[in-house]
Amino acid sequence: MKGPISRYFQMIVGAIGAISSGALIVMSVKSGRAPGPGMAWWITDSGYSSATDPSQYWFMLFLFAVGLAGFAWLAWRAYRD
C-alpha cells in the first residue's frame, strides 16, 4: 500500500490518535481520575483515582503516553515518506 491515499490515511489516523491520546492524558491529570481499559468505564463510570488507586492511575497514564508516542510516530513517518 504505497500511494498517496495510504500516506494521507496514515497521517490522519496518526494525528487523530495522537490528539485523542493527548486529550485523555490532559483530562486524566485535570480530574485526577483515569478511565479504565476498554469501554466498560462509559457504562459503569469506573476508573482509577490518583488518590485511591495510584499505581493503576499512573499505569493508565503511561499507556496513554505510549499511545500518544505511537500515533505521533505513525503520523510523522507517513509525513516524511
Protein backbone atom coordinates (compact mmCIF):
# COMPACT_ATOMS: atom_id res chain seq x y z
CA MET A 1 0.00 0.00 0.00
CA LYS A 2 2.37 2.64 -1.20
CA GLY A 3 0.34 5.51 -2.51
CA PRO A 4 -0.83 8.97 -1.68
CA ILE A 5 -4.16 7.73 -0.32
CA SER A 6 -2.42 5.34 2.06
CA ARG A 7 0.03 8.03 3.11
CA TYR A 8 -2.67 10.59 3.90
CA PHE A 9 -4.79 7.95 5.64
CA GLN A 10 -1.89 7.06 7.93
CA MET A 11 -1.20 10.74 8.61
CA ILE A 12 -4.84 11.38 9.52
CA VAL A 13 -5.15 8.29 11.71
CA GLY A 14 -1.87 9.14 13.44
CA ALA A 15 -2.88 12.74 14.07
CA ILE A 16 -6.35 11.83 15.37
CA GLY A 17 -4.90 9.12 17.60
CA ALA A 18 -2.23 11.42 18.99
CA ILE A 19 -4.74 14.18 19.68
CA SER A 20 -7.17 11.83 21.41
CA SER A 21 -4.40 10.24 23.49
CA GLY A 22 -3.17 13.68 24.50
CA ALA A 23 -6.72 14.70 25.40
CA LEU A 24 -7.05 11.59 27.59
CA ILE A 25 -3.83 12.48 29.40
CA VAL A 26 -4.90 16.09 29.98
CA MET A 27 -8.40 15.02 31.08
CA SER A 28 -7.00 12.43 33.49
CA VAL A 29 -4.46 14.80 35.04
CA LYS A 30 -7.01 17.60 35.47
CA SER A 31 -9.67 15.36 37.04
CA GLY A 32 -7.34 13.06 38.99
CA ARG A 33 -9.19 10.07 37.55
CA ALA A 34 -8.10 7.90 34.62
CA PRO A 35 -10.57 5.76 32.69
CA GLY A 36 -10.00 2.03 32.82
CA PRO A 37 -9.09 -0.14 29.85
CA GLY A 38 -11.81 -0.96 27.38
CA MET A 39 -15.15 0.74 27.11
CA ALA A 40 -16.72 -0.50 30.37
CA TRP A 41 -15.91 2.79 32.10
CA TRP A 42 -18.53 4.53 29.93
CA ILE A 43 -21.26 2.29 31.31
CA THR A 44 -20.11 1.74 34.89
CA ASP A 45 -18.42 5.13 35.36
CA SER A 46 -15.48 3.31 36.86
CA GLY A 47 -11.90 4.41 36.63
CA TYR A 48 -8.72 4.73 38.59
CA SER A 49 -8.36 7.60 41.01
CA SER A 50 -4.99 9.11 41.80
CA ALA A 51 -5.94 9.08 45.50
CA THR A 52 -7.31 5.54 45.91
CA ASP A 53 -5.59 3.63 43.07
CA PRO A 54 -2.32 5.48 42.40
CA SER A 55 -0.43 2.62 40.73
CA GLN A 56 -3.25 1.84 38.30
CA TYR A 57 -3.79 5.56 37.67
CA TRP A 58 -0.15 6.13 36.71
CA PHE A 59 -0.05 2.91 34.68
CA MET A 60 -3.02 4.11 32.62
CA LEU A 61 -1.32 7.49 32.11
CA PHE A 62 1.80 5.63 31.00
CA LEU A 63 -0.26 3.61 28.49
CA PHE A 64 -1.88 6.80 27.18
CA ALA A 65 1.60 8.32 26.75
CA VAL A 66 2.78 5.22 24.86
CA GLY A 67 -0.28 5.53 22.61
CA LEU A 68 0.47 9.21 22.05
CA ALA A 69 4.07 8.42 21.08
CA GLY A 70 3.00 5.57 18.78
CA PHE A 71 0.38 7.60 16.94
CA ALA A 72 2.71 10.59 16.64
CA TRP A 73 5.40 8.31 15.22
CA LEU A 74 2.92 6.87 12.71
CA ALA A 75 1.86 10.34 11.55
CA TRP A 76 5.46 11.58 11.35
CA ARG A 77 6.65 8.51 9.45
CA ALA A 78 3.82 8.83 6.93
CA TYR A 79 4.50 12.55 6.56
CA ARG A 80 8.23 12.00 5.94
CA ASP A 81 7.75 9.22 3.35
